[in-house]
Amino acid sequence: MRIEFTKMQGCGNDYIYIDCMKYNIGSPSPLSIKLSDRRYGIGGDGVILICKSENADAQMRIFNADGSEAKMCGNGIRCVGKFLYDNKLVNSKSIKIDTLSGVKNVEVCESQGKKSVLRVDMGKPMFSPECVPVNLAGDKIISRDVIIKNKQYNINCVSIGNPHCVIFCDDVMSEDINSASVQIEQGGLFPDGVNVEFVRIDDDKNISLRVHERGSGETLACGTGACAAVVAAVENGICKKGEDIKVKLCGGELVIKYDTDGSIYMTGPAEEVFKGEIEI
């Protein structure tokens, strides 16, 4: 079977996009493992399938590089919006995309060839331990000291459609985030795994972060991770609701607004890298 694909990236978060309105992909998990390999495959953080939807303009399904399926991908949904708009699969700059975390509204702000800027209404964060999920008591886990593998961490837990653990630190570049994140993920607190963000506060409108994503390891960017970092900063009284916060990731920048009504808005780039065809 020969299939066409589009390699796209948002802030360096690169996925392989397949139009499943044209193709029937019966086994996406092993396919994602094969195609994501950066030596023997196309290379990417995973595979995203663009499918038909009865509830929206399209449905996106996200498969990580290890084959696991994710509920949401912030950088990925912007690229899906660009794909739909550029290929004239929608007739509007306002696009509805169905995910395992619900239907999200995506707005095309700028579109210039291979590069675009899109804004996504990510919905409202969920704080309850049952929703994250995290095995700790309380209404929400904000600035909570925990011991994991004999090391103390101050954690902030939030779901942005997938679980996040935000940790504030003074120097994100010197942190051994891969080792720490694996310990945190395997420490027994997060039954569904967790994305871990190490965050430095530059000032009340600028933050920097590195992220270790479950199923992929450290990536250049994570849209939902950027949202989680801003939410945690607001909940800790560092940043303010209703203001645009610039989030600097290893692969680029996103603008996140945790609005006064509780909704999160993410604005950032989506870029086509190349198109191709592969036999599977």
C-alpha atoms as a PDB file:
ATOM      1  CA  MET A   1       0.000   0.000   0.000  1.00  0.00           C
ATOM      2  CA  ARG A   2       1.429   3.370  -0.998  1.00  0.00           C
ATOM      3  CA  ILE A   3       0.298   6.397   0.994  1.00  0.00           C
ATOM      4  CA  GLU A   4       0.986  10.096   0.675  1.00  0.00           C
ATOM      5  CA  PHE A   5       1.999  11.986   3.804  1.00  0.00           C
ATOM      6  CA  THR A   6       2.848  15.510   4.841  1.00  0.00           C
ATOM      7  CA  LYS A   7       5.608  16.225   7.341  1.00  0.00           C
ATOM      8  CA  MET A   8       4.663  19.298   9.415  1.00  0.00           C
ATOM      9  CA  GLN A   9       6.051  20.982  12.504  1.00  0.00           C
ATOM     10  CA  GLY A  10       5.023  23.548  15.075  1.00  0.00           C
ATOM     11  CA  CYS A  11       7.894  24.993  17.127  1.00  0.00           C
ATOM     12  CA  GLY A  12       9.949  21.917  16.212  1.00  0.00           C
ATOM     13  CA  ASN A  13       7.261  19.464  17.365  1.00  0.00           C
ATOM     14  CA  ASP A  14       7.206  17.385  14.159  1.00  0.00           C
ATOM     15  CA  TYR A  15       4.630  14.816  13.135  1.00  0.00           C
ATOM     16  CA  ILE A  16       3.775  12.805  10.044  1.00  0.00           C
ATOM     17  CA  TYR A  17       0.268  13.710   8.865  1.00  0.00           C
ATOM     18  CA  ILE A  18      -1.855  11.272   6.862  1.00  0.00           C
ATOM     19  CA  ASP A  19      -5.187  12.153   5.245  1.00  0.00           C
ATOM     20  CA  CYS A  20      -7.406   9.278   6.331  1.00  0.00           C
ATOM     21  CA  MET A  21     -10.267  10.667   4.301  1.00  0.00           C
ATOM     22  CA  LYS A  22      -8.301   9.100   1.431  1.00  0.00           C
ATOM     23  CA  TYR A  23      -6.672   6.102   3.159  1.00  0.00           C
ATOM     24  CA  ASN A  24      -7.818   3.418   5.572  1.00  0.00           C
ATOM     25  CA  ILE A  25      -5.039   2.911   8.143  1.00  0.00           C
ATOM     26  CA  GLY A  26      -5.911  -0.278  10.006  1.00  0.00           C
ATOM     27  CA  SER A  27      -2.978  -0.451  12.457  1.00  0.00           C
ATOM     28  CA  PRO A  28      -1.853   3.084  13.329  1.00  0.00           C
ATOM     29  CA  SER A  29       0.158   2.150  16.455  1.00  0.00           C
ATOM     30  CA  PRO A  30       2.817  -0.045  14.788  1.00  0.00           C
ATOM     31  CA  LEU A  31       2.789   2.296  11.788  1.00  0.00           C
ATOM     32  CA  SER A  32       3.660   5.231  14.054  1.00  0.00           C
ATOM     33  CA  ILE A  33       6.578   3.315  15.570  1.00  0.00           C
ATOM     34  CA  LYS A  34       7.903   2.483  12.098  1.00  0.00           C
ATOM     35  CA  LEU A  35       7.450   5.885  10.468  1.00  0.00           C
ATOM     36  CA  SER A  36       8.626   7.937  13.462  1.00  0.00           C
ATOM     37  CA  ASP A  37      12.052   6.272  13.549  1.00  0.00           C
ATOM     38  CA  ARG A  38      14.572   8.959  12.617  1.00  0.00           C
ATOM     39  CA  ARG A  39      17.050   6.503  11.090  1.00  0.00           C
ATOM     40  CA  TYR A  40      14.910   3.868   9.404  1.00  0.00           C
ATOM     41  CA  GLY A  41      11.650   5.760   8.904  1.00  0.00           C
ATOM     42  CA  ILE A  42      10.545   9.266   7.977  1.00  0.00           C
ATOM     43  CA  GLY A  43      11.322  10.640  11.428  1.00  0.00           C
ATOM     44  CA  GLY A  44       9.023  12.492  13.779  1.00  0.00           C
ATOM     45  CA  ASP A  45       7.507  12.728  17.236  1.00  0.00           C
ATOM     46  CA  GLY A  46       4.670  10.541  15.999  1.00  0.00           C
ATOM     47  CA  VAL A  47       1.905  10.164  13.428  1.00  0.00           C
ATOM     48  CA  ILE A  48      -1.314  12.182  13.251  1.00  0.00           C
ATOM     49  CA  LEU A  49      -4.267  10.858  11.293  1.00  0.00           C
ATOM     50  CA  ILE A  50      -6.771  13.333   9.822  1.00  0.00           C
ATOM     51  CA  CYS A  51     -10.114  11.539   9.691  1.00  0.00           C
ATOM     52  CA  LYS A  52     -13.759  12.207   8.934  1.00  0.00           C
ATOM     53  CA  SER A  53     -15.928  13.420  11.801  1.00  0.00           C
ATOM     54  CA  GLU A  54     -19.649  13.649  12.375  1.00  0.00           C
ATOM     55  CA  ASN A  55     -19.153  16.345  15.015  1.00  0.00           C
ATOM     56  CA  ALA A  56     -16.614  18.665  13.367  1.00  0.00           C
ATOM     57  CA  ASP A  57     -14.799  19.502  10.142  1.00  0.00           C
ATOM     58  CA  ALA A  58     -12.355  16.662  10.851  1.00  0.00           C
ATOM     59  CA  GLN A  59     -11.093  14.386  13.583  1.00  0.00           C
ATOM     60  CA  MET A  60      -7.448  14.103  14.606  1.00  0.00           C
ATOM     61  CA  ARG A  61      -5.932  10.978  16.130  1.00  0.00           C
ATOM     62  CA  ILE A  62      -2.455  11.293  17.658  1.00  0.00           C
ATOM     63  CA  PHE A  63      -0.023   8.403  17.972  1.00  0.00           C
ATOM     64  CA  ASN A  64       3.282   8.926  19.759  1.00  0.00           C
ATOM     65  CA  ALA A  65       6.599   7.575  18.552  1.00  0.00           C
ATOM     66  CA  ASP A  66       6.184   4.560  20.857  1.00  0.00           C
ATOM     67  CA  GLY A  67       2.779   3.737  19.339  1.00  0.00           C
ATOM     68  CA  SER A  68       0.667   4.948  22.272  1.00  0.00           C
ATOM     69  CA  GLU A  69      -2.356   7.085  21.453  1.00  0.00           C
ATOM     70  CA  ALA A  70      -2.612  10.585  22.940  1.00  0.00           C
ATOM     71  CA  LYS A  71      -5.790  12.515  23.591  1.00  0.00           C
ATOM     72  CA  MET A  72      -4.491  15.936  22.588  1.00  0.00           C
ATOM     73  CA  CYS A  73      -1.549  17.683  20.917  1.00  0.00           C
ATOM     74  CA  GLY A  74      -1.403  21.475  20.899  1.00  0.00           C
ATOM     75  CA  ASN A  75       1.214  21.864  18.181  1.00  0.00           C
ATOM     76  CA  GLY A  76      -0.370  19.056  16.194  1.00  0.00           C
ATOM     77  CA  ILE A  77      -3.861  20.550  16.124  1.00  0.00           C
ATOM     78  CA  ARG A  78      -2.525  23.784  14.626  1.00  0.00           C
ATOM     79  CA  CYS A  79      -0.887  21.763  11.853  1.00  0.00           C
ATOM     80  CA  VAL A  80      -4.124  19.847  11.245  1.00  0.00           C
ATOM     81  CA  GLY A  81      -5.923  23.174  10.930  1.00  0.00           C
ATOM     82  CA  LYS A  82      -3.338  24.356   8.407  1.00  0.00           C
ATOM     83  CA  PHE A  83      -3.620  21.091   6.439  1.00  0.00           C
ATOM     84  CA  LEU A  84      -7.405  21.377   6.231  1.00  0.00           C
ATOM     85  CA  TYR A  85      -7.268  25.046   5.217  1.00  0.00           C
ATOM     86  CA  ASP A  86      -4.416  24.732   2.697  1.00  0.00           C
ATOM     87  CA  ASN A  87      -5.962  21.699   0.999  1.00  0.00           C
ATOM     88  CA  LYS A  88      -9.363  23.408   0.854  1.00  0.00           C
ATOM     89  CA  LEU A  89     -10.993  20.690   2.926  1.00  0.00           C
ATOM     90  CA  VAL A  90     -12.714  23.535   4.805  1.00  0.00           C
ATOM     91  CA  ASN A  91     -14.065  26.778   3.381  1.00  0.00           C
ATOM     92  CA  SER A  92     -13.491  28.959   6.418  1.00  0.00           C
ATOM     93  CA  LYS A  93     -10.663  30.231   8.589  1.00  0.00           C
ATOM     94  CA  SER A  94     -12.680  29.032  11.574  1.00  0.00           C
ATOM     95  CA  ILE A  95     -12.233  25.269  11.853  1.00  0.00           C
ATOM     96  CA  LYS A  96     -13.656  22.705  14.268  1.00  0.00           C
ATOM     97  CA  ILE A  97     -11.432  19.701  14.987  1.00  0.00           C
ATOM     98  CA  ASP A  98     -12.589  16.696  16.989  1.00  0.00           C
ATOM     99  CA  THR A  99     -10.106  15.088  19.406  1.00  0.00           C
ATOM    100  CA  LEU A 100     -10.270  12.548  22.208  1.00  0.00           C
ATOM    101  CA  SER A 101     -10.370  15.628  24.466  1.00  0.00           C
ATOM    102  CA  GLY A 102     -13.408  17.053  22.702  1.00  0.00           C
ATOM    103  CA  VAL A 103     -14.032  19.417  19.801  1.00  0.00           C
ATOM    104  CA  LYS A 104     -11.576  22.339  19.613  1.00  0.00           C
ATOM    105  CA  ASN A 105     -12.015  25.604  17.728  1.00  0.00           C
ATOM    106  CA  VAL A 106      -9.060  26.621  15.557  1.00  0.00           C
ATOM    107  CA  GLU A 107      -8.667  30.012  13.867  1.00  0.00           C
ATOM    108  CA  VAL A 108      -6.299  30.662  10.955  1.00  0.00           C
ATOM    109  CA  CYS A 109      -4.688  34.025  11.771  1.00  0.00           C
ATOM    110  CA  GLU A 110      -2.076  34.163   9.004  1.00  0.00           C
ATOM    111  CA  SER A 111      -1.450  31.934   6.009  1.00  0.00           C
ATOM    112  CA  GLN A 112       1.584  32.525   3.796  1.00  0.00           C
ATOM    113  CA  GLY A 113       2.614  29.484   1.792  1.00  0.00           C
ATOM    114  CA  LYS A 114       4.227  26.805   3.921  1.00  0.00           C
ATOM    115  CA  LYS A 115       4.108  28.940   7.085  1.00  0.00           C
ATOM    116  CA  SER A 116       0.960  29.842   8.998  1.00  0.00           C
ATOM    117  CA  VAL A 117      -0.110  31.141  12.401  1.00  0.00           C
ATOM    118  CA  LEU A 118      -3.163  29.664  14.094  1.00  0.00           C
ATOM    119  CA  ARG A 119      -5.017  30.224  17.365  1.00  0.00           C
ATOM    120  CA  VAL A 120      -6.634  27.369  19.279  1.00  0.00           C
ATOM    121  CA  ASP A 121      -9.253  27.471  22.001  1.00  0.00           C
ATOM    122  CA  MET A 122      -7.853  24.697  24.185  1.00  0.00           C
ATOM    123  CA  GLY A 123     -10.810  24.726  26.589  1.00  0.00           C
ATOM    124  CA  LYS A 124     -10.499  24.841  30.362  1.00  0.00           C
ATOM    125  CA  PRO A 125      -7.835  23.099  32.449  1.00  0.00           C
ATOM    126  CA  MET A 126      -8.830  20.327  34.830  1.00  0.00           C
ATOM    127  CA  PHE A 127      -7.257  20.258  38.284  1.00  0.00           C
ATOM    128  CA  SER A 128      -8.914  17.449  40.227  1.00  0.00           C
ATOM    129  CA  PRO A 129      -6.543  14.535  40.886  1.00  0.00           C
ATOM    130  CA  GLU A 130      -9.072  12.151  39.313  1.00  0.00           C
ATOM    131  CA  CYS A 131      -9.042  14.127  36.060  1.00  0.00           C
ATOM    132  CA  VAL A 132      -5.278  14.540  35.719  1.00  0.00           C
ATOM    133  CA  PRO A 133      -4.968  11.678  36.921  1.00  0.00           C
ATOM    134  CA  VAL A 134      -2.540  11.755  39.861  1.00  0.00           C
ATOM    135  CA  ASN A 135      -2.642   9.602  42.994  1.00  0.00           C
ATOM    136  CA  LEU A 136      -2.707  12.413  45.539  1.00  0.00           C
ATOM    137  CA  ALA A 137      -5.479  13.745  47.756  1.00  0.00           C
ATOM    138  CA  GLY A 138      -7.011  17.212  47.549  1.00  0.00           C
ATOM    139  CA  ASP A 139      -9.083  19.390  45.228  1.00  0.00           C
ATOM    140  CA  LYS A 140      -6.037  20.377  43.179  1.00  0.00           C
ATOM    141  CA  ILE A 141      -2.307  19.704  43.246  1.00  0.00           C
ATOM    142  CA  ILE A 142      -0.623  23.116  43.132  1.00  0.00           C
ATOM    143  CA  SER A 143       2.824  23.708  44.673  1.00  0.00           C
ATOM    144  CA  ARG A 144       2.723  20.315  46.393  1.00  0.00           C
ATOM    145  CA  ASP A 145       5.949  18.857  47.825  1.00  0.00           C
ATOM    146  CA  VAL A 146       6.350  15.149  47.087  1.00  0.00           C
ATOM    147  CA  ILE A 147       9.134  12.585  47.460  1.00  0.00           C
ATOM    148  CA  ILE A 148       9.793  10.474  44.354  1.00  0.00           C
ATOM    149  CA  LYS A 149      12.670   7.987  44.280  1.00  0.00           C
ATOM    150  CA  ASN A 150      14.144   9.609  47.422  1.00  0.00           C
ATOM    151  CA  LYS A 151      14.166  13.071  45.828  1.00  0.00           C
ATOM    152  CA  GLN A 152      11.887  15.981  46.705  1.00  0.00           C
ATOM    153  CA  TYR A 153       9.970  17.817  43.985  1.00  0.00           C
ATOM    154  CA  ASN A 154       7.519  20.687  44.172  1.00  0.00           C
ATOM    155  CA  ILE A 155       4.887  19.768  41.589  1.00  0.00           C
ATOM    156  CA  ASN A 156       1.861  21.337  39.918  1.00  0.00           C
ATOM    157  CA  CYS A 157      -0.545  18.924  38.241  1.00  0.00           C
ATOM    158  CA  VAL A 158      -3.084  19.838  35.571  1.00  0.00           C
ATOM    159  CA  SER A 159      -4.815  18.184  32.637  1.00  0.00           C
ATOM    160  CA  ILE A 160      -4.993  20.011  29.307  1.00  0.00           C
ATOM    161  CA  GLY A 161      -6.668  16.997  27.734  1.00  0.00           C
ATOM    162  CA  ASN A 162      -3.580  15.018  28.780  1.00  0.00           C
ATOM    163  CA  PRO A 163      -1.717  14.913  32.111  1.00  0.00           C
ATOM    164  CA  HIS A 164       1.001  17.419  32.981  1.00  0.00           C
ATOM    165  CA  CYS A 165       3.380  17.868  35.898  1.00  0.00           C
ATOM    166  CA  VAL A 166       4.930  21.354  36.022  1.00  0.00           C
ATOM    167  CA  ILE A 167       8.073  21.998  38.060  1.00  0.00           C
ATOM    168  CA  PHE A 168       9.550  25.482  38.473  1.00  0.00           C
ATOM    169  CA  CYS A 169      13.343  25.789  38.514  1.00  0.00           C
ATOM    170  CA  ASP A 170      16.033  28.465  38.201  1.00  0.00           C
ATOM    171  CA  ASP A 171      17.904  27.057  35.189  1.00  0.00           C
ATOM    172  CA  VAL A 172      16.012  24.837  32.752  1.00  0.00           C
ATOM    173  CA  MET A 173      19.055  24.191  30.558  1.00  0.00           C
ATOM    174  CA  SER A 174      21.149  22.635  33.320  1.00  0.00           C
ATOM    175  CA  GLU A 175      18.410  20.282  34.529  1.00  0.00           C
ATOM    176  CA  ASP A 176      18.728  16.591  33.700  1.00  0.00           C
ATOM    177  CA  ILE A 177      15.088  16.532  32.715  1.00  0.00           C
ATOM    178  CA  ASN A 178      15.101  13.138  31.002  1.00  0.00           C
ATOM    179  CA  SER A 179      16.334  11.249  34.058  1.00  0.00           C
ATOM    180  CA  ALA A 180      14.107  13.230  36.422  1.00  0.00           C
ATOM    181  CA  SER A 181      11.048  12.888  34.189  1.00  0.00           C
ATOM    182  CA  VAL A 182      11.413   9.122  33.899  1.00  0.00           C
ATOM    183  CA  GLN A 183      11.656   8.879  37.692  1.00  0.00           C
ATOM    184  CA  ILE A 184       8.575  11.079  38.103  1.00  0.00           C
ATOM    185  CA  GLU A 185       6.584   9.142  35.506  1.00  0.00           C
ATOM    186  CA  GLN A 186       7.533   5.793  37.023  1.00  0.00           C
ATOM    187  CA  GLY A 187       7.224   6.928  40.634  1.00  0.00           C
ATOM    188  CA  GLY A 188       3.698   5.587  41.087  1.00  0.00           C
ATOM    189  CA  LEU A 189       1.857   8.918  41.228  1.00  0.00           C
ATOM    190  CA  PHE A 190       0.691   9.033  37.609  1.00  0.00           C
ATOM    191  CA  PRO A 191      -1.266   5.931  36.553  1.00  0.00           C
ATOM    192  CA  ASP A 192      -1.570   7.056  32.909  1.00  0.00           C
ATOM    193  CA  GLY A 193       1.961   8.460  32.677  1.00  0.00           C
ATOM    194  CA  VAL A 194       2.615  12.197  32.532  1.00  0.00           C
ATOM    195  CA  ASN A 195       4.228  14.961  30.512  1.00  0.00           C
ATOM    196  CA  VAL A 196       6.784  16.771  32.663  1.00  0.00           C
ATOM    197  CA  GLU A 197       7.653  20.456  32.199  1.00  0.00           C
ATOM    198  CA  PHE A 198      10.610  22.182  33.824  1.00  0.00           C
ATOM    199  CA  VAL A 199       9.852  25.908  33.800  1.00  0.00           C
ATOM    200  CA  ARG A 200      11.886  29.052  34.443  1.00  0.00           C
ATOM    201  CA  ILE A 201      10.078  32.326  35.128  1.00  0.00           C
ATOM    202  CA  ASP A 202      11.805  35.114  33.174  1.00  0.00           C
ATOM    203  CA  ASP A 203       9.254  37.736  34.237  1.00  0.00           C
ATOM    204  CA  ASP A 204       5.474  37.917  34.669  1.00  0.00           C
ATOM    205  CA  LYS A 205       4.896  37.792  30.890  1.00  0.00           C
ATOM    206  CA  ASN A 206       7.725  35.536  29.724  1.00  0.00           C
ATOM    207  CA  ILE A 207       8.591  31.981  30.716  1.00  0.00           C
ATOM    208  CA  SER A 208      10.974  29.343  29.358  1.00  0.00           C
ATOM    209  CA  LEU A 209      10.518  25.584  29.476  1.00  0.00           C
ATOM    210  CA  ARG A 210      11.817  22.183  28.480  1.00  0.00           C
ATOM    211  CA  VAL A 211       9.457  19.256  28.224  1.00  0.00           C
ATOM    212  CA  HIS A 212       9.632  15.482  28.450  1.00  0.00           C
ATOM    213  CA  GLU A 213       6.570  13.968  26.774  1.00  0.00           C
ATOM    214  CA  ARG A 214       5.234  10.562  27.673  1.00  0.00           C
ATOM    215  CA  GLY A 215       5.744   8.219  24.760  1.00  0.00           C
ATOM    216  CA  SER A 216       8.269  10.477  23.015  1.00  0.00           C
ATOM    217  CA  GLY A 217      10.918  11.659  25.514  1.00  0.00           C
ATOM    218  CA  GLU A 218      12.246  15.212  25.370  1.00  0.00           C
ATOM    219  CA  THR A 219      10.806  17.161  22.444  1.00  0.00           C
ATOM    220  CA  LEU A 220      11.576  20.610  21.094  1.00  0.00           C
ATOM    221  CA  ALA A 221       8.107  21.839  22.013  1.00  0.00           C
ATOM    222  CA  CYS A 222       4.771  20.841  23.507  1.00  0.00           C
ATOM    223  CA  GLY A 223       1.689  23.015  23.032  1.00  0.00           C
ATOM    224  CA  THR A 224      -0.333  21.536  25.881  1.00  0.00           C
ATOM    225  CA  GLY A 225       2.825  21.687  28.024  1.00  0.00           C
ATOM    226  CA  ALA A 226       3.122  25.414  27.350  1.00  0.00           C
ATOM    227  CA  CYS A 227      -0.531  25.812  28.362  1.00  0.00           C
ATOM    228  CA  ALA A 228       0.040  23.797  31.538  1.00  0.00           C
ATOM    229  CA  ALA A 229       3.087  25.910  32.426  1.00  0.00           C
ATOM    230  CA  VAL A 230       1.118  29.164  32.112  1.00  0.00           C
ATOM    231  CA  VAL A 231      -1.816  27.761  34.097  1.00  0.00           C
ATOM    232  CA  ALA A 232       0.568  26.682  36.873  1.00  0.00           C
ATOM    233  CA  ALA A 233       2.252  30.109  36.846  1.00  0.00           C
ATOM    234  CA  VAL A 234      -1.132  31.830  37.205  1.00  0.00           C
ATOM    235  CA  GLU A 235      -2.283  29.457  39.956  1.00  0.00           C
ATOM    236  CA  ASN A 236       0.930  30.241  41.853  1.00  0.00           C
ATOM    237  CA  GLY A 237       0.349  33.995  41.526  1.00  0.00           C
ATOM    238  CA  ILE A 238       3.345  34.530  39.221  1.00  0.00           C
ATOM    239  CA  CYS A 239       1.447  35.496  36.054  1.00  0.00           C
ATOM    240  CA  LYS A 240      -1.991  37.048  35.630  1.00  0.00           C
ATOM    241  CA  LYS A 241      -5.145  35.708  34.058  1.00  0.00           C
ATOM    242  CA  GLY A 242      -6.273  37.410  30.856  1.00  0.00           C
ATOM    243  CA  GLU A 243      -2.771  38.400  29.740  1.00  0.00           C
ATOM    244  CA  ASP A 244      -0.724  37.077  26.833  1.00  0.00           C
ATOM    245  CA  ILE A 245       2.249  35.100  28.146  1.00  0.00           C
ATOM    246  CA  LYS A 246       5.131  34.317  25.801  1.00  0.00           C
ATOM    247  CA  VAL A 247       6.424  30.770  26.276  1.00  0.00           C
ATOM    248  CA  LYS A 248       9.914  30.093  24.966  1.00  0.00           C
ATOM    249  CA  LEU A 249      10.499  26.454  24.029  1.00  0.00           C
ATOM    250  CA  CYS A 250      13.602  24.839  22.589  1.00  0.00           C
ATOM    251  CA  GLY A 251      12.032  24.866  19.116  1.00  0.00           C
ATOM    252  CA  GLY A 252      10.246  28.223  19.083  1.00  0.00           C
ATOM    253  CA  GLU A 253       7.721  30.422  20.871  1.00  0.00           C
ATOM    254  CA  LEU A 254       4.027  30.233  21.677  1.00  0.00           C
ATOM    255  CA  VAL A 255       1.680  32.849  23.098  1.00  0.00           C
ATOM    256  CA  ILE A 256      -0.679  31.493  25.759  1.00  0.00           C
ATOM    257  CA  LYS A 257      -3.591  33.307  27.372  1.00  0.00           C
ATOM    258  CA  TYR A 258      -5.264  31.766  30.419  1.00  0.00           C
ATOM    259  CA  ASP A 259      -8.337  33.937  30.165  1.00  0.00           C
ATOM    260  CA  THR A 260     -10.523  35.320  32.951  1.00  0.00           C
ATOM    261  CA  ASP A 261     -13.329  32.906  31.997  1.00  0.00           C
ATOM    262  CA  GLY A 262     -10.972  29.973  32.606  1.00  0.00           C
ATOM    263  CA  SER A 263     -10.386  29.107  28.949  1.00  0.00           C
ATOM    264  CA  ILE A 264      -6.890  28.726  27.490  1.00  0.00           C
ATOM    265  CA  TYR A 265      -5.962  30.205  24.117  1.00  0.00           C
ATOM    266  CA  MET A 266      -2.805  29.144  22.308  1.00  0.00           C
ATOM    267  CA  THR A 267      -1.351  31.035  19.327  1.00  0.00           C
ATOM    268  CA  GLY A 268       1.618  29.768  17.369  1.00  0.00           C
ATOM    269  CA  PRO A 269       3.131  28.674  14.071  1.00  0.00           C
ATOM    270  CA  ALA A 270       2.412  25.676  11.878  1.00  0.00           C
ATOM    271  CA  GLU A 271       4.720  24.867   8.994  1.00  0.00           C
ATOM    272  CA  GLU A 272       4.790  22.317   6.215  1.00  0.00           C
ATOM    273  CA  VAL A 273       8.236  20.714   5.988  1.00  0.00           C
ATOM    274  CA  PHE A 274       7.741  18.450   2.969  1.00  0.00           C
ATOM    275  CA  LYS A 275       5.352  16.056   1.262  1.00  0.00           C
ATOM    276  CA  GLY A 276       6.170  12.487   0.296  1.00  0.00           C
ATOM    277  CA  GLU A 277       4.954   8.996  -0.433  1.00  0.00           C
ATOM    278  CA  ILE A 278       5.840   5.788   1.344  1.00  0.00           C
ATOM    279  CA  GLU A 279       5.068   2.123   0.864  1.00  0.00           C
ATOM    280  CA  ILE A 280       3.753   0.235   3.899  1.00  0.00           C
END
